[in-house]
Amino acid sequence: MGKRDNRVAYMNPIAMARSRGPVQSSGPTIQDYLNRPRPTWEEVKEQLEKKKKGSKALAEFEEKMNENWKKELEKHREKLLSGSESSSKKRQRKKKEKKKSGRQFFRF
């Protein structure tokens, strides 16, 4: 009894692809990409200038945020200035309370 022949013919995938012929691509070709319309140098300069200027909406938003920030700072300053007088009184009261509480512990 002999062994079975398990050999399979090797198929070169590159040769198989070549035998089928060129592949039909559905997308744009390299030539299409190279021949695409491009902006002129003047148009490129105009676009760069527009980018440097920035958008109007962004400028308006920044101004609005600056105004809001200034208002918040003013409110905060007012609180600190009005609260500074009362906070100094509070500190004095705390010092007096500490002195009084400290005296009570030493009495017998």
N, C-alpha and C. Protein backbone atom coordinates (compact mmCIF):
# COMPACT_ATOMS: atom_id res chain seq x y z
N MET A 1 0.83 -1.16 0.00
CA MET A 1 0.00 0.00 0.00
C MET A 1 0.89 1.25 0.00
N GLY A 2 0.58 2.10 -0.90
CA GLY A 2 1.36 3.33 -1.01
C GLY A 2 0.68 4.51 -0.32
N LYS A 3 1.48 5.54 -0.09
CA LYS A 3 0.91 6.74 0.55
C LYS A 3 0.16 7.56 -0.49
N ARG A 4 -0.79 8.32 0.01
CA ARG A 4 -1.55 9.19 -0.88
C ARG A 4 -0.71 10.37 -1.32
N ASP A 5 -0.97 10.91 -2.47
CA ASP A 5 -0.26 12.08 -2.97
C ASP A 5 -1.01 13.33 -2.51
N ASN A 6 -0.41 14.06 -1.55
CA ASN A 6 -1.07 15.25 -0.99
C ASN A 6 -0.58 16.54 -1.63
N ARG A 7 0.24 16.45 -2.67
CA ARG A 7 0.80 17.66 -3.25
C ARG A 7 -0.28 18.46 -3.98
N VAL A 8 -0.16 19.82 -3.88
CA VAL A 8 -1.09 20.73 -4.54
C VAL A 8 -0.27 21.66 -5.41
N ALA A 9 -0.75 21.99 -6.58
CA ALA A 9 -0.03 22.90 -7.46
C ALA A 9 0.00 24.29 -6.85
N TYR A 10 1.19 24.90 -6.85
CA TYR A 10 1.35 26.26 -6.30
C TYR A 10 0.95 27.26 -7.37
N MET A 11 0.10 28.21 -6.98
CA MET A 11 -0.33 29.26 -7.90
C MET A 11 0.28 30.58 -7.44
N ASN A 12 1.06 31.18 -8.31
CA ASN A 12 1.68 32.46 -7.99
C ASN A 12 0.59 33.55 -8.03
N PRO A 13 0.32 34.23 -6.91
CA PRO A 13 -0.78 35.20 -6.89
C PRO A 13 -0.53 36.40 -7.81
N ILE A 14 0.73 36.82 -7.96
CA ILE A 14 1.03 37.95 -8.83
C ILE A 14 0.78 37.57 -10.29
N ALA A 15 1.22 36.38 -10.66
CA ALA A 15 1.00 35.91 -12.02
C ALA A 15 -0.48 35.75 -12.31
N MET A 16 -1.24 35.29 -11.33
CA MET A 16 -2.69 35.13 -11.50
C MET A 16 -3.34 36.49 -11.73
N ALA A 17 -2.92 37.48 -10.97
CA ALA A 17 -3.50 38.82 -11.11
C ALA A 17 -3.17 39.41 -12.47
N ARG A 18 -1.93 39.18 -12.93
CA ARG A 18 -1.53 39.71 -14.25
C ARG A 18 -2.32 39.05 -15.36
N SER A 19 -2.62 37.77 -15.19
CA SER A 19 -3.35 37.06 -16.24
C SER A 19 -4.78 37.57 -16.37
N ARG A 20 -5.35 38.07 -15.28
CA ARG A 20 -6.72 38.59 -15.32
C ARG A 20 -6.79 39.91 -16.08
N GLY A 21 -5.69 40.65 -16.08
CA GLY A 21 -5.68 41.94 -16.76
C GLY A 21 -5.71 43.09 -15.76
N PRO A 22 -5.70 44.33 -16.27
CA PRO A 22 -5.68 45.48 -15.37
C PRO A 22 -6.99 45.61 -14.58
N VAL A 23 -6.88 46.09 -13.35
CA VAL A 23 -8.03 46.24 -12.48
C VAL A 23 -8.73 47.55 -12.81
N GLN A 24 -10.04 47.50 -12.93
CA GLN A 24 -10.82 48.72 -13.18
C GLN A 24 -11.12 49.39 -11.84
N SER A 25 -10.50 50.58 -11.62
CA SER A 25 -10.73 51.27 -10.35
C SER A 25 -11.97 52.14 -10.48
N SER A 26 -12.70 52.23 -9.40
CA SER A 26 -13.94 52.99 -9.43
C SER A 26 -13.70 54.46 -9.05
N GLY A 27 -12.63 54.75 -8.34
CA GLY A 27 -12.37 56.11 -7.88
C GLY A 27 -11.56 56.92 -8.87
N PRO A 28 -11.17 58.14 -8.46
CA PRO A 28 -10.37 58.99 -9.35
C PRO A 28 -8.96 58.42 -9.53
N THR A 29 -8.40 58.67 -10.68
CA THR A 29 -7.06 58.17 -10.97
C THR A 29 -6.01 59.17 -10.51
N ILE A 30 -4.77 58.78 -10.61
CA ILE A 30 -3.66 59.66 -10.25
C ILE A 30 -3.63 60.86 -11.19
N GLN A 31 -3.92 60.62 -12.45
CA GLN A 31 -3.94 61.73 -13.42
C GLN A 31 -5.02 62.74 -13.06
N ASP A 32 -6.16 62.25 -12.60
CA ASP A 32 -7.22 63.17 -12.18
C ASP A 32 -6.75 64.04 -11.02
N TYR A 33 -6.04 63.42 -10.09
CA TYR A 33 -5.54 64.15 -8.93
C TYR A 33 -4.51 65.20 -9.35
N LEU A 34 -3.60 64.82 -10.25
CA LEU A 34 -2.57 65.76 -10.67
C LEU A 34 -3.13 66.89 -11.53
N ASN A 35 -4.19 66.64 -12.25
CA ASN A 35 -4.78 67.65 -13.13
C ASN A 35 -5.90 68.45 -12.49
N ARG A 36 -6.07 68.32 -11.17
CA ARG A 36 -7.16 69.03 -10.49
C ARG A 36 -6.91 70.54 -10.55
N PRO A 37 -7.97 71.34 -10.48
CA PRO A 37 -7.79 72.79 -10.49
C PRO A 37 -7.15 73.27 -9.19
N ARG A 38 -6.18 74.15 -9.32
CA ARG A 38 -5.48 74.66 -8.14
C ARG A 38 -5.65 76.17 -8.09
N PRO A 39 -5.64 76.76 -6.87
CA PRO A 39 -5.77 78.22 -6.77
C PRO A 39 -4.50 78.91 -7.25
N THR A 40 -4.67 80.13 -7.73
CA THR A 40 -3.51 80.91 -8.15
C THR A 40 -2.81 81.46 -6.91
N TRP A 41 -1.62 82.01 -7.11
CA TRP A 41 -0.84 82.52 -5.99
C TRP A 41 -1.56 83.69 -5.31
N GLU A 42 -2.26 84.52 -6.12
CA GLU A 42 -3.00 85.65 -5.55
C GLU A 42 -4.15 85.15 -4.66
N GLU A 43 -4.84 84.11 -5.10
CA GLU A 43 -5.92 83.54 -4.29
C GLU A 43 -5.39 82.97 -2.98
N VAL A 44 -4.22 82.35 -3.05
CA VAL A 44 -3.61 81.79 -1.83
C VAL A 44 -3.28 82.91 -0.86
N LYS A 45 -2.73 84.02 -1.37
CA LYS A 45 -2.40 85.17 -0.51
C LYS A 45 -3.65 85.72 0.16
N GLU A 46 -4.74 85.84 -0.61
CA GLU A 46 -5.99 86.35 -0.04
C GLU A 46 -6.50 85.45 1.08
N GLN A 47 -6.42 84.15 0.87
CA GLN A 47 -6.87 83.21 1.91
C GLN A 47 -6.03 83.34 3.17
N LEU A 48 -4.71 83.50 3.00
CA LEU A 48 -3.84 83.64 4.17
C LEU A 48 -4.16 84.93 4.93
N GLU A 49 -4.45 86.01 4.21
CA GLU A 49 -4.80 87.27 4.87
C GLU A 49 -6.10 87.13 5.66
N LYS A 50 -7.07 86.42 5.08
CA LYS A 50 -8.34 86.21 5.77
C LYS A 50 -8.13 85.43 7.06
N LYS A 51 -7.25 84.43 7.02
CA LYS A 51 -6.99 83.64 8.22
C LYS A 51 -6.33 84.48 9.30
N LYS A 52 -5.44 85.39 8.89
CA LYS A 52 -4.76 86.23 9.87
C LYS A 52 -5.74 87.17 10.56
N LYS A 53 -6.72 87.68 9.80
CA LYS A 53 -7.70 88.60 10.37
C LYS A 53 -8.59 87.89 11.38
N GLY A 54 -8.96 86.68 11.12
CA GLY A 54 -9.83 85.94 12.01
C GLY A 54 -11.29 86.20 11.67
N SER A 55 -12.15 85.46 12.29
CA SER A 55 -13.57 85.58 11.98
C SER A 55 -14.22 86.66 12.84
N LYS A 56 -15.27 87.27 12.31
CA LYS A 56 -15.99 88.32 13.04
C LYS A 56 -16.71 87.73 14.25
N ALA A 57 -17.27 86.55 14.08
CA ALA A 57 -18.01 85.91 15.17
C ALA A 57 -17.08 85.64 16.35
N LEU A 58 -15.89 85.18 16.06
CA LEU A 58 -14.93 84.91 17.13
C LEU A 58 -14.54 86.19 17.84
N ALA A 59 -14.32 87.27 17.08
CA ALA A 59 -13.95 88.54 17.69
C ALA A 59 -15.08 89.06 18.59
N GLU A 60 -16.31 88.95 18.13
CA GLU A 60 -17.46 89.38 18.94
C GLU A 60 -17.57 88.56 20.21
N PHE A 61 -17.37 87.27 20.07
CA PHE A 61 -17.45 86.39 21.24
C PHE A 61 -16.37 86.76 22.27
N GLU A 62 -15.15 87.02 21.79
CA GLU A 62 -14.07 87.39 22.70
C GLU A 62 -14.37 88.70 23.41
N GLU A 63 -14.92 89.68 22.67
CA GLU A 63 -15.28 90.95 23.30
C GLU A 63 -16.34 90.75 24.38
N LYS A 64 -17.34 89.94 24.07
CA LYS A 64 -18.41 89.67 25.03
C LYS A 64 -17.85 89.01 26.28
N MET A 65 -16.96 88.04 26.09
CA MET A 65 -16.37 87.35 27.23
C MET A 65 -15.51 88.31 28.06
N ASN A 66 -14.79 89.22 27.39
CA ASN A 66 -13.99 90.20 28.12
C ASN A 66 -14.88 91.11 28.96
N GLU A 67 -16.01 91.53 28.40
CA GLU A 67 -16.93 92.37 29.15
C GLU A 67 -17.47 91.62 30.37
N ASN A 68 -17.88 90.38 30.16
CA ASN A 68 -18.39 89.56 31.28
C ASN A 68 -17.31 89.39 32.34
N TRP A 69 -16.07 89.18 31.92
CA TRP A 69 -14.98 88.98 32.85
C TRP A 69 -14.74 90.26 33.66
N LYS A 70 -14.80 91.41 33.00
CA LYS A 70 -14.61 92.68 33.71
C LYS A 70 -15.70 92.88 34.75
N LYS A 71 -16.94 92.56 34.39
CA LYS A 71 -18.05 92.69 35.34
C LYS A 71 -17.83 91.79 36.55
N GLU A 72 -17.40 90.56 36.30
CA GLU A 72 -17.14 89.63 37.41
C GLU A 72 -16.03 90.14 38.31
N LEU A 73 -14.98 90.70 37.70
CA LEU A 73 -13.89 91.25 38.50
C LEU A 73 -14.37 92.40 39.37
N GLU A 74 -15.18 93.29 38.80
CA GLU A 74 -15.70 94.42 39.57
C GLU A 74 -16.54 93.93 40.76
N LYS A 75 -17.40 92.94 40.52
CA LYS A 75 -18.21 92.40 41.61
C LYS A 75 -17.33 91.81 42.70
N HIS A 76 -16.33 91.08 42.28
CA HIS A 76 -15.43 90.44 43.23
C HIS A 76 -14.68 91.49 44.05
N ARG A 77 -14.21 92.55 43.38
CA ARG A 77 -13.52 93.63 44.09
C ARG A 77 -14.43 94.28 45.11
N GLU A 78 -15.69 94.55 44.70
CA GLU A 78 -16.64 95.17 45.63
C GLU A 78 -16.85 94.29 46.86
N LYS A 79 -16.99 92.99 46.62
CA LYS A 79 -17.17 92.08 47.75
C LYS A 79 -15.97 92.12 48.68
N LEU A 80 -14.77 92.10 48.09
CA LEU A 80 -13.57 92.11 48.92
C LEU A 80 -13.44 93.42 49.69
N LEU A 81 -13.71 94.54 49.03
CA LEU A 81 -13.59 95.83 49.70
C LEU A 81 -14.63 95.99 50.79
N SER A 82 -15.88 95.60 50.51
CA SER A 82 -16.91 95.72 51.53
C SER A 82 -16.71 94.67 52.62
N GLY A 83 -16.20 93.53 52.27
CA GLY A 83 -16.00 92.46 53.23
C GLY A 83 -14.74 92.63 54.05
N SER A 84 -13.80 93.48 53.61
CA SER A 84 -12.55 93.63 54.34
C SER A 84 -12.77 94.29 55.69
N GLU A 85 -13.72 95.25 55.74
CA GLU A 85 -14.01 95.90 57.04
C GLU A 85 -14.62 94.91 58.01
N SER A 86 -15.58 94.14 57.55
CA SER A 86 -16.25 93.20 58.44
C SER A 86 -15.31 92.05 58.81
N SER A 87 -14.43 91.65 57.87
CA SER A 87 -13.53 90.55 58.19
C SER A 87 -12.52 90.95 59.27
N SER A 88 -12.09 92.21 59.26
CA SER A 88 -11.16 92.65 60.31
C SER A 88 -11.85 92.64 61.67
N LYS A 89 -13.14 93.01 61.71
CA LYS A 89 -13.90 92.96 62.98
C LYS A 89 -14.03 91.52 63.45
N LYS A 90 -14.28 90.62 62.51
CA LYS A 90 -14.41 89.21 62.86
C LYS A 90 -13.11 88.69 63.47
N ARG A 91 -11.99 89.10 62.90
CA ARG A 91 -10.70 88.66 63.44
C ARG A 91 -10.50 89.14 64.87
N GLN A 92 -10.88 90.40 65.11
CA GLN A 92 -10.74 90.95 66.45
C GLN A 92 -11.61 90.18 67.44
N ARG A 93 -12.83 89.85 67.04
CA ARG A 93 -13.73 89.08 67.91
C ARG A 93 -13.13 87.72 68.23
N LYS A 94 -12.57 87.06 67.21
CA LYS A 94 -11.98 85.73 67.42
C LYS A 94 -10.82 85.82 68.40
N LYS A 95 -10.02 86.87 68.28
CA LYS A 95 -8.88 87.03 69.19
C LYS A 95 -9.37 87.21 70.63
N LYS A 96 -10.41 88.02 70.79
CA LYS A 96 -10.96 88.24 72.14
C LYS A 96 -11.51 86.94 72.71
N GLU A 97 -12.22 86.19 71.88
CA GLU A 97 -12.78 84.92 72.34
C GLU A 97 -11.68 83.95 72.75
N LYS A 98 -10.59 83.92 72.00
CA LYS A 98 -9.48 83.03 72.34
C LYS A 98 -8.87 83.43 73.67
N LYS A 99 -8.72 84.74 73.86
CA LYS A 99 -8.14 85.21 75.12
C LYS A 99 -9.04 84.82 76.29
N LYS A 100 -10.35 85.02 76.12
CA LYS A 100 -11.29 84.68 77.19
C LYS A 100 -11.29 83.19 77.47
N SER A 101 -11.31 82.39 76.40
CA SER A 101 -11.36 80.94 76.61
C SER A 101 -10.05 80.46 77.23
N GLY A 102 -8.96 81.08 76.90
CA GLY A 102 -7.68 80.71 77.48
C GLY A 102 -7.61 81.02 78.97
N ARG A 103 -8.23 82.09 79.40
CA ARG A 103 -8.25 82.46 80.83
C ARG A 103 -9.06 81.47 81.64
N GLN A 104 -10.15 80.98 81.09
CA GLN A 104 -11.02 80.09 81.84
C GLN A 104 -10.34 78.78 82.20
N PHE A 105 -9.47 78.28 81.40
CA PHE A 105 -8.83 77.00 81.68
C PHE A 105 -7.87 77.11 82.87
N PHE A 106 -7.30 78.28 83.11
CA PHE A 106 -6.31 78.38 84.16
C PHE A 106 -6.94 78.69 85.53
N ARG A 107 -8.21 78.95 85.61
CA ARG A 107 -8.84 79.19 86.92
C ARG A 107 -9.17 77.86 87.59
N PHE A 108 -8.99 77.84 88.89
CA PHE A 108 -9.30 76.63 89.64
C PHE A 108 -10.33 76.87 90.69
